[in-house]
Amino acid sequence: MDQFVSVATPILAARAAMSTDDPEPQIAARALLGLWHVQANSLRKHLDGARTPAEVHDLVTSDVGRAAQLLDTGLRSFTARAPPQALSDS
């Protein structure tokens, strides 16, 4: 997972005109990649043999969607400008 984060962080930082050393792109990468854990846990929970593939799909999609909706609230503030303190340092 750390390798994925190290690949995602500079991409997110570039999109937000930030440095990879800034905390925002680092936590954004970890949060987004954390959705994979939510998906895996949801699959383990719902793949019990009692549900159809379509039901499992719907349940897992719902779980991941709920987690993503929570992230969306915080990630909306991750804008394409440098943090105010970085602007005053230059």
PDB file of N, CA and C in Angstrom:
ATOM      1  N   MET A   1       0.823  -1.186   0.000  1.00  0.00           N
ATOM      2  CA  MET A   1       0.000   0.000   0.000  1.00  0.00           C
ATOM      3  C   MET A   1       0.873   1.259   0.000  1.00  0.00           C
ATOM      4  N   ASP A   2       2.000   1.190   0.694  1.00  0.00           N
ATOM      5  CA  ASP A   2       2.897   2.350   0.714  1.00  0.00           C
ATOM      6  C   ASP A   2       3.395   2.704  -0.686  1.00  0.00           C
ATOM      7  N   GLN A   3       3.618   1.699  -1.515  1.00  0.00           N
ATOM      8  CA  GLN A   3       4.057   1.971  -2.885  1.00  0.00           C
ATOM      9  C   GLN A   3       2.967   2.691  -3.673  1.00  0.00           C
ATOM     10  N   PHE A   4       1.728   2.273  -3.481  1.00  0.00           N
ATOM     11  CA  PHE A   4       0.619   2.941  -4.158  1.00  0.00           C
ATOM     12  C   PHE A   4       0.510   4.389  -3.698  1.00  0.00           C
ATOM     13  N   VAL A   5       0.669   4.610  -2.391  1.00  0.00           N
ATOM     14  CA  VAL A   5       0.613   5.964  -1.847  1.00  0.00           C
ATOM     15  C   VAL A   5       1.735   6.814  -2.438  1.00  0.00           C
ATOM     16  N   SER A   6       2.919   6.221  -2.564  1.00  0.00           N
ATOM     17  CA  SER A   6       4.048   6.984  -3.106  1.00  0.00           C
ATOM     18  C   SER A   6       3.843   7.328  -4.579  1.00  0.00           C
ATOM     19  N   VAL A   7       3.019   6.583  -5.278  1.00  0.00           N
ATOM     20  CA  VAL A   7       2.699   6.902  -6.670  1.00  0.00           C
ATOM     21  C   VAL A   7       1.554   7.922  -6.731  1.00  0.00           C
ATOM     22  N   ALA A   8       0.560   7.758  -5.894  1.00  0.00           N
ATOM     23  CA  ALA A   8      -0.619   8.637  -5.931  1.00  0.00           C
ATOM     24  C   ALA A   8      -0.330  10.031  -5.383  1.00  0.00           C
ATOM     25  N   THR A   9       0.522  10.135  -4.376  1.00  0.00           N
ATOM     26  CA  THR A   9       0.763  11.430  -3.732  1.00  0.00           C
ATOM     27  C   THR A   9       1.267  12.494  -4.706  1.00  0.00           C
ATOM     28  N   PRO A  10       2.295  12.222  -5.515  1.00  0.00           N
ATOM     29  CA  PRO A  10       2.737  13.285  -6.438  1.00  0.00           C
ATOM     30  C   PRO A  10       1.694  13.653  -7.482  1.00  0.00           C
ATOM     31  N   ILE A  11       0.875  12.713  -7.871  1.00  0.00           N
ATOM     32  CA  ILE A  11      -0.188  13.016  -8.843  1.00  0.00           C
ATOM     33  C   ILE A  11      -1.193  13.968  -8.222  1.00  0.00           C
ATOM     34  N   LEU A  12      -1.625  13.648  -6.996  1.00  0.00           N
ATOM     35  CA  LEU A  12      -2.578  14.514  -6.307  1.00  0.00           C
ATOM     36  C   LEU A  12      -1.959  15.872  -5.986  1.00  0.00           C
ATOM     37  N   ALA A  13      -0.701  15.874  -5.599  1.00  0.00           N
ATOM     38  CA  ALA A  13      -0.019  17.134  -5.294  1.00  0.00           C
ATOM     39  C   ALA A  13       0.058  18.022  -6.538  1.00  0.00           C
ATOM     40  N   ALA A  14       0.393  17.436  -7.660  1.00  0.00           N
ATOM     41  CA  ALA A  14       0.487  18.211  -8.900  1.00  0.00           C
ATOM     42  C   ALA A  14      -0.866  18.800  -9.281  1.00  0.00           C
ATOM     43  N   ARG A  15      -1.920  18.022  -9.120  1.00  0.00           N
ATOM     44  CA  ARG A  15      -3.260  18.512  -9.457  1.00  0.00           C
ATOM     45  C   ARG A  15      -3.680  19.674  -8.568  1.00  0.00           C
ATOM     46  N   ALA A  16      -3.154  19.724  -7.357  1.00  0.00           N
ATOM     47  CA  ALA A  16      -3.509  20.786  -6.413  1.00  0.00           C
ATOM     48  C   ALA A  16      -2.436  21.858  -6.322  1.00  0.00           C
ATOM     49  N   ALA A  17      -1.451  21.812  -7.200  1.00  0.00           N
ATOM     50  CA  ALA A  17      -0.344  22.776  -7.194  1.00  0.00           C
ATOM     51  C   ALA A  17       0.325  22.829  -5.824  1.00  0.00           C
ATOM     52  N   MET A  18       0.611  21.651  -5.281  1.00  0.00           N
ATOM     53  CA  MET A  18       1.248  21.540  -3.976  1.00  0.00           C
ATOM     54  C   MET A  18       2.488  20.672  -4.101  1.00  0.00           C
ATOM     55  N   SER A  19       3.243  20.624  -3.028  1.00  0.00           N
ATOM     56  CA  SER A  19       4.422  19.771  -2.951  1.00  0.00           C
ATOM     57  C   SER A  19       4.015  18.396  -2.423  1.00  0.00           C
ATOM     58  N   THR A  20       4.760  17.389  -2.811  1.00  0.00           N
ATOM     59  CA  THR A  20       4.490  16.049  -2.275  1.00  0.00           C
ATOM     60  C   THR A  20       4.786  15.978  -0.787  1.00  0.00           C
ATOM     61  N   ASP A  21       5.533  16.952  -0.270  1.00  0.00           N
ATOM     62  CA  ASP A  21       5.823  17.010   1.159  1.00  0.00           C
ATOM     63  C   ASP A  21       4.677  17.612   1.963  1.00  0.00           C
ATOM     64  N   ASP A  22       3.728  18.252   1.293  1.00  0.00           N
ATOM     65  CA  ASP A  22       2.589  18.832   1.998  1.00  0.00           C
ATOM     66  C   ASP A  22       1.698  17.724   2.547  1.00  0.00           C
ATOM     67  N   PRO A  23       1.096  17.945   3.697  1.00  0.00           N
ATOM     68  CA  PRO A  23       0.283  16.883   4.307  1.00  0.00           C
ATOM     69  C   PRO A  23      -1.000  16.568   3.548  1.00  0.00           C
ATOM     70  N   GLU A  24      -1.563  17.554   2.863  1.00  0.00           N
ATOM     71  CA  GLU A  24      -2.844  17.321   2.187  1.00  0.00           C
ATOM     72  C   GLU A  24      -2.780  16.241   1.113  1.00  0.00           C
ATOM     73  N   PRO A  25      -1.826  16.286   0.172  1.00  0.00           N
ATOM     74  CA  PRO A  25      -1.795  15.219  -0.831  1.00  0.00           C
ATOM     75  C   PRO A  25      -1.428  13.866  -0.236  1.00  0.00           C
ATOM     76  N   GLN A  26      -0.648  13.863   0.830  1.00  0.00           N
ATOM     77  CA  GLN A  26      -0.293  12.591   1.468  1.00  0.00           C
ATOM     78  C   GLN A  26      -1.520  11.918   2.078  1.00  0.00           C
ATOM     79  N   ILE A  27      -2.312  12.679   2.834  1.00  0.00           N
ATOM     80  CA  ILE A  27      -3.478  12.070   3.474  1.00  0.00           C
ATOM     81  C   ILE A  27      -4.576  11.784   2.460  1.00  0.00           C
ATOM     82  N   ALA A  28      -4.671  12.619   1.428  1.00  0.00           N
ATOM     83  CA  ALA A  28      -5.659  12.365   0.379  1.00  0.00           C
ATOM     84  C   ALA A  28      -5.370  11.030  -0.311  1.00  0.00           C
ATOM     85  N   ALA A  29      -4.105  10.772  -0.610  1.00  0.00           N
ATOM     86  CA  ALA A  29      -3.727   9.507  -1.250  1.00  0.00           C
ATOM     87  C   ALA A  29      -4.067   8.322  -0.344  1.00  0.00           C
ATOM     88  N   ARG A  30      -3.711   8.429   0.928  1.00  0.00           N
ATOM     89  CA  ARG A  30      -4.007   7.328   1.862  1.00  0.00           C
ATOM     90  C   ARG A  30      -5.504   7.102   2.018  1.00  0.00           C
ATOM     91  N   ALA A  31      -6.253   8.193   2.086  1.00  0.00           N
ATOM     92  CA  ALA A  31      -7.702   8.076   2.251  1.00  0.00           C
ATOM     93  C   ALA A  31      -8.344   7.418   1.032  1.00  0.00           C
ATOM     94  N   LEU A  32      -7.966   7.880  -0.149  1.00  0.00           N
ATOM     95  CA  LEU A  32      -8.541   7.301  -1.363  1.00  0.00           C
ATOM     96  C   LEU A  32      -8.181   5.828  -1.514  1.00  0.00           C
ATOM     97  N   LEU A  33      -6.933   5.500  -1.241  1.00  0.00           N
ATOM     98  CA  LEU A  33      -6.517   4.099  -1.359  1.00  0.00           C
ATOM     99  C   LEU A  33      -7.127   3.241  -0.261  1.00  0.00           C
ATOM    100  N   GLY A  34      -7.508   3.868   0.837  1.00  0.00           N
ATOM    101  CA  GLY A  34      -8.173   3.143   1.913  1.00  0.00           C
ATOM    102  C   GLY A  34      -9.531   2.583   1.507  1.00  0.00           C
ATOM    103  N   LEU A  35     -10.089   3.118   0.432  1.00  0.00           N
ATOM    104  CA  LEU A  35     -11.363   2.579  -0.054  1.00  0.00           C
ATOM    105  C   LEU A  35     -11.223   1.125  -0.496  1.00  0.00           C
ATOM    106  N   TRP A  36     -10.013   0.718  -0.901  1.00  0.00           N
ATOM    107  CA  TRP A  36      -9.793  -0.689  -1.253  1.00  0.00           C
ATOM    108  C   TRP A  36     -10.011  -1.581  -0.045  1.00  0.00           C
ATOM    109  N   HIS A  37      -9.575  -1.121   1.137  1.00  0.00           N
ATOM    110  CA  HIS A  37      -9.777  -1.903   2.355  1.00  0.00           C
ATOM    111  C   HIS A  37     -11.263  -2.021   2.673  1.00  0.00           C
ATOM    112  N   VAL A  38     -11.986  -0.940   2.468  1.00  0.00           N
ATOM    113  CA  VAL A  38     -13.432  -0.976   2.698  1.00  0.00           C
ATOM    114  C   VAL A  38     -14.073  -1.996   1.761  1.00  0.00           C
ATOM    115  N   GLN A  39     -13.658  -1.992   0.506  1.00  0.00           N
ATOM    116  CA  GLN A  39     -14.212  -2.941  -0.462  1.00  0.00           C
ATOM    117  C   GLN A  39     -13.885  -4.379  -0.070  1.00  0.00           C
ATOM    118  N   ALA A  40     -12.643  -4.634   0.302  1.00  0.00           N
ATOM    119  CA  ALA A  40     -12.243  -5.998   0.676  1.00  0.00           C
ATOM    120  C   ALA A  40     -13.001  -6.472   1.914  1.00  0.00           C
ATOM    121  N   ASN A  41     -13.130  -5.607   2.905  1.00  0.00           N
ATOM    122  CA  ASN A  41     -13.870  -5.983   4.118  1.00  0.00           C
ATOM    123  C   ASN A  41     -15.339  -6.237   3.814  1.00  0.00           C
ATOM    124  N   SER A  42     -15.902  -5.425   2.953  1.00  0.00           N
ATOM    125  CA  SER A  42     -17.302  -5.598   2.585  1.00  0.00           C
ATOM    126  C   SER A  42     -17.506  -6.906   1.822  1.00  0.00           C
ATOM    127  N   LEU A  43     -16.581  -7.229   0.925  1.00  0.00           N
ATOM    128  CA  LEU A  43     -16.679  -8.507   0.205  1.00  0.00           C
ATOM    129  C   LEU A  43     -16.637  -9.687   1.169  1.00  0.00           C
ATOM    130  N   ARG A  44     -15.708  -9.641   2.134  1.00  0.00           N
ATOM    131  CA  ARG A  44     -15.635 -10.722   3.131  1.00  0.00           C
ATOM    132  C   ARG A  44     -16.941 -10.844   3.909  1.00  0.00           C
ATOM    133  N   LYS A  45     -17.518  -9.716   4.225  1.00  0.00           N
ATOM    134  CA  LYS A  45     -18.757  -9.695   5.010  1.00  0.00           C
ATOM    135  C   LYS A  45     -19.935 -10.260   4.221  1.00  0.00           C
ATOM    136  N   HIS A  46     -20.043  -9.889   2.960  1.00  0.00           N
ATOM    137  CA  HIS A  46     -21.237 -10.224   2.183  1.00  0.00           C
ATOM    138  C   HIS A  46     -21.116 -11.481   1.329  1.00  0.00           C
ATOM    139  N   LEU A  47     -19.912 -12.000   1.128  1.00  0.00           N
ATOM    140  CA  LEU A  47     -19.752 -13.243   0.367  1.00  0.00           C
ATOM    141  C   LEU A  47     -19.936 -14.444   1.296  1.00  0.00           C
ATOM    142  N   ASP A  48     -21.158 -14.645   1.689  1.00  0.00           N
ATOM    143  CA  ASP A  48     -21.456 -15.714   2.642  1.00  0.00           C
ATOM    144  C   ASP A  48     -22.174 -16.903   1.997  1.00  0.00           C
ATOM    145  N   GLY A  49     -22.361 -16.848   0.687  1.00  0.00           N
ATOM    146  CA  GLY A  49     -23.027 -17.934  -0.014  1.00  0.00           C
ATOM    147  C   GLY A  49     -24.541 -17.837   0.019  1.00  0.00           C
ATOM    148  N   ALA A  50     -25.076 -16.918   0.783  1.00  0.00           N
ATOM    149  CA  ALA A  50     -26.525 -16.773   0.899  1.00  0.00           C
ATOM    150  C   ALA A  50     -27.071 -15.712  -0.056  1.00  0.00           C
ATOM    151  N   ARG A  51     -26.190 -14.965  -0.676  1.00  0.00           N
ATOM    152  CA  ARG A  51     -26.609 -13.861  -1.549  1.00  0.00           C
ATOM    153  C   ARG A  51     -26.222 -14.143  -2.994  1.00  0.00           C
ATOM    154  N   THR A  52     -26.996 -13.561  -3.881  1.00  0.00           N
ATOM    155  CA  THR A  52     -26.671 -13.668  -5.305  1.00  0.00           C
ATOM    156  C   THR A  52     -25.507 -12.714  -5.614  1.00  0.00           C
ATOM    157  N   PRO A  53     -24.817 -12.949  -6.722  1.00  0.00           N
ATOM    158  CA  PRO A  53     -23.760 -12.010  -7.100  1.00  0.00           C
ATOM    159  C   PRO A  53     -24.272 -10.569  -7.228  1.00  0.00           C
ATOM    160  N   ALA A  54     -25.462 -10.396  -7.743  1.00  0.00           N
ATOM    161  CA  ALA A  54     -26.030  -9.050  -7.890  1.00  0.00           C
ATOM    162  C   ALA A  54     -26.262  -8.405  -6.518  1.00  0.00           C
ATOM    163  N   GLU A  55     -26.724  -9.191  -5.553  1.00  0.00           N
ATOM    164  CA  GLU A  55     -26.924  -8.655  -4.203  1.00  0.00           C
ATOM    165  C   GLU A  55     -25.594  -8.272  -3.565  1.00  0.00           C
ATOM    166  N   VAL A  56     -24.597  -9.123  -3.728  1.00  0.00           N
ATOM    167  CA  VAL A  56     -23.262  -8.817  -3.186  1.00  0.00           C
ATOM    168  C   VAL A  56     -22.742  -7.535  -3.816  1.00  0.00           C
ATOM    169  N   HIS A  57     -22.868  -7.427  -5.122  1.00  0.00           N
ATOM    170  CA  HIS A  57     -22.426  -6.228  -5.826  1.00  0.00           C
ATOM    171  C   HIS A  57     -23.100  -4.982  -5.247  1.00  0.00           C
ATOM    172  N   ASP A  58     -24.403  -5.041  -5.086  1.00  0.00           N
ATOM    173  CA  ASP A  58     -25.142  -3.887  -4.566  1.00  0.00           C
ATOM    174  C   ASP A  58     -24.710  -3.530  -3.142  1.00  0.00           C
ATOM    175  N   LEU A  59     -24.532  -4.538  -2.289  1.00  0.00           N
ATOM    176  CA  LEU A  59     -24.138  -4.292  -0.903  1.00  0.00           C
ATOM    177  C   LEU A  59     -22.723  -3.710  -0.809  1.00  0.00           C
ATOM    178  N   VAL A  60     -21.806  -4.279  -1.582  1.00  0.00           N
ATOM    179  CA  VAL A  60     -20.424  -3.790  -1.565  1.00  0.00           C
ATOM    180  C   VAL A  60     -20.363  -2.381  -2.139  1.00  0.00           C
ATOM    181  N   THR A  61     -21.071  -2.148  -3.226  1.00  0.00           N
ATOM    182  CA  THR A  61     -21.116  -0.818  -3.818  1.00  0.00           C
ATOM    183  C   THR A  61     -21.667   0.198  -2.823  1.00  0.00           C
ATOM    184  N   SER A  62     -22.671  -0.184  -2.088  1.00  0.00           N
ATOM    185  CA  SER A  62     -23.245   0.700  -1.072  1.00  0.00           C
ATOM    186  C   SER A  62     -22.235   1.019   0.029  1.00  0.00           C
ATOM    187  N   ASP A  63     -21.533  -0.006   0.517  1.00  0.00           N
ATOM    188  CA  ASP A  63     -20.535   0.210   1.575  1.00  0.00           C
ATOM    189  C   ASP A  63     -19.421   1.145   1.111  1.00  0.00           C
ATOM    190  N   VAL A  64     -18.893   0.895  -0.077  1.00  0.00           N
ATOM    191  CA  VAL A  64     -17.815   1.732  -0.603  1.00  0.00           C
ATOM    192  C   VAL A  64     -18.341   3.145  -0.863  1.00  0.00           C
ATOM    193  N   GLY A  65     -19.553   3.249  -1.348  1.00  0.00           N
ATOM    194  CA  GLY A  65     -20.157   4.557  -1.585  1.00  0.00           C
ATOM    195  C   GLY A  65     -20.317   5.359  -0.308  1.00  0.00           C
ATOM    196  N   ARG A  66     -20.716   4.692   0.766  1.00  0.00           N
ATOM    197  CA  ARG A  66     -20.851   5.377   2.053  1.00  0.00           C
ATOM    198  C   ARG A  66     -19.504   5.905   2.528  1.00  0.00           C
ATOM    199  N   ALA A  67     -18.472   5.088   2.406  1.00  0.00           N
ATOM    200  CA  ALA A  67     -17.129   5.517   2.818  1.00  0.00           C
ATOM    201  C   ALA A  67     -16.637   6.651   1.931  1.00  0.00           C
ATOM    202  N   ALA A  68     -16.880   6.544   0.644  1.00  0.00           N
ATOM    203  CA  ALA A  68     -16.441   7.584  -0.291  1.00  0.00           C
ATOM    204  C   ALA A  68     -17.181   8.897  -0.045  1.00  0.00           C
ATOM    205  N   GLN A  69     -18.436   8.802   0.329  1.00  0.00           N
ATOM    206  CA  GLN A  69     -19.204  10.014   0.614  1.00  0.00           C
ATOM    207  C   GLN A  69     -18.609  10.761   1.810  1.00  0.00           C
ATOM    208  N   LEU A  70     -18.181  10.024   2.817  1.00  0.00           N
ATOM    209  CA  LEU A  70     -17.540  10.655   3.960  1.00  0.00           C
ATOM    210  C   LEU A  70     -16.229  11.327   3.546  1.00  0.00           C
ATOM    211  N   LEU A  71     -15.433  10.648   2.731  1.00  0.00           N
ATOM    212  CA  LEU A  71     -14.184  11.240   2.240  1.00  0.00           C
ATOM    213  C   LEU A  71     -14.440  12.474   1.385  1.00  0.00           C
ATOM    214  N   ASP A  72     -15.491  12.430   0.602  1.00  0.00           N
ATOM    215  CA  ASP A  72     -15.803  13.530  -0.297  1.00  0.00           C
ATOM    216  C   ASP A  72     -15.943  14.846   0.460  1.00  0.00           C
ATOM    217  N   THR A  73     -16.516  14.795   1.641  1.00  0.00           N
ATOM    218  CA  THR A  73     -16.684  16.002   2.440  1.00  0.00           C
ATOM    219  C   THR A  73     -15.342  16.666   2.714  1.00  0.00           C
ATOM    220  N   GLY A  74     -14.364  15.895   3.127  1.00  0.00           N
ATOM    221  CA  GLY A  74     -13.047  16.457   3.417  1.00  0.00           C
ATOM    222  C   GLY A  74     -12.236  16.772   2.176  1.00  0.00           C
ATOM    223  N   LEU A  75     -12.335  15.930   1.172  1.00  0.00           N
ATOM    224  CA  LEU A  75     -11.520  16.123  -0.029  1.00  0.00           C
ATOM    225  C   LEU A  75     -11.988  17.306  -0.863  1.00  0.00           C
ATOM    226  N   ARG A  76     -13.209  17.746  -0.674  1.00  0.00           N
ATOM    227  CA  ARG A  76     -13.681  18.933  -1.402  1.00  0.00           C
ATOM    228  C   ARG A  76     -12.865  20.162  -1.027  1.00  0.00           C
ATOM    229  N   SER A  77     -12.327  20.152   0.179  1.00  0.00           N
ATOM    230  CA  SER A  77     -11.530  21.304   0.607  1.00  0.00           C
ATOM    231  C   SER A  77     -10.099  21.238   0.076  1.00  0.00           C
ATOM    232  N   PHE A  78      -9.760  20.149  -0.566  1.00  0.00           N
ATOM    233  CA  PHE A  78      -8.429  19.951  -1.145  1.00  0.00           C
ATOM    234  C   PHE A  78      -8.420  20.644  -2.502  1.00  0.00           C
ATOM    235  N   THR A  79      -8.103  21.922  -2.504  1.00  0.00           N
ATOM    236  CA  THR A  79      -8.250  22.748  -3.702  1.00  0.00           C
ATOM    237  C   THR A  79      -6.968  22.823  -4.514  1.00  0.00           C
ATOM    238  N   ALA A  80      -7.071  23.486  -5.645  1.00  0.00           N
ATOM    239  CA  ALA A  80      -5.935  23.619  -6.559  1.00  0.00           C
ATOM    240  C   ALA A  80      -5.088  24.848  -6.235  1.00  0.00           C
ATOM    241  N   ARG A  81      -4.980  25.170  -4.971  1.00  0.00           N
ATOM    242  CA  ARG A  81      -4.104  26.281  -4.592  1.00  0.00           C
ATOM    243  C   ARG A  81      -3.268  25.849  -3.395  1.00  0.00           C
ATOM    244  N   ALA A  82      -2.154  26.506  -3.225  1.00  0.00           N
ATOM    245  CA  ALA A  82      -1.251  26.181  -2.111  1.00  0.00           C
ATOM    246  C   ALA A  82      -1.901  26.615  -0.807  1.00  0.00           C
ATOM    247  N   PRO A  83      -1.542  25.946   0.301  1.00  0.00           N
ATOM    248  CA  PRO A  83      -2.081  26.356   1.590  1.00  0.00           C
ATOM    249  C   PRO A  83      -1.661  27.793   1.915  1.00  0.00           C
ATOM    250  N   PRO A  84      -2.506  28.547   2.646  1.00  0.00           N
ATOM    251  CA  PRO A  84      -2.209  29.968   2.935  1.00  0.00           C
ATOM    252  C   PRO A  84      -0.831  30.187   3.547  1.00  0.00           C
ATOM    253  N   GLN A  85      -0.376  29.336   4.451  1.00  0.00           N
ATOM    254  CA  GLN A  85       0.940  29.548   5.064  1.00  0.00           C
ATOM    255  C   GLN A  85       2.063  29.401   4.052  1.00  0.00           C
ATOM    256  N   ALA A  86       1.895  28.549   3.054  1.00  0.00           N
ATOM    257  CA  ALA A  86       2.934  28.394   2.036  1.00  0.00           C
ATOM    258  C   ALA A  86       3.036  29.654   1.183  1.00  0.00           C
ATOM    259  N   LEU A  87       1.908  30.317   0.967  1.00  0.00           N
ATOM    260  CA  LEU A  87       1.926  31.552   0.187  1.00  0.00           C
ATOM    261  C   LEU A  87       2.664  32.662   0.940  1.00  0.00           C
ATOM    262  N   SER A  88       2.505  32.696   2.263  1.00  0.00           N
ATOM    263  CA  SER A  88       3.153  33.753   3.029  1.00  0.00           C
ATOM    264  C   SER A  88       4.644  33.488   3.208  1.00  0.00           C
ATOM    265  N   ASP A  89       5.083  32.228   3.047  1.00  0.00           N
ATOM    266  CA  ASP A  89       6.501  31.890   3.183  1.00  0.00           C
ATOM    267  C   ASP A  89       7.331  32.302   1.977  1.00  0.00           C
ATOM    268  N   SER A  90       6.685  32.538   0.824  1.00  0.00           N
ATOM    269  CA  SER A  90       7.446  32.825  -0.395  1.00  0.00           C
ATOM    270  C   SER A  90       7.806  34.272  -0.555  1.00  0.00           C
TER     271      SER A  90
END
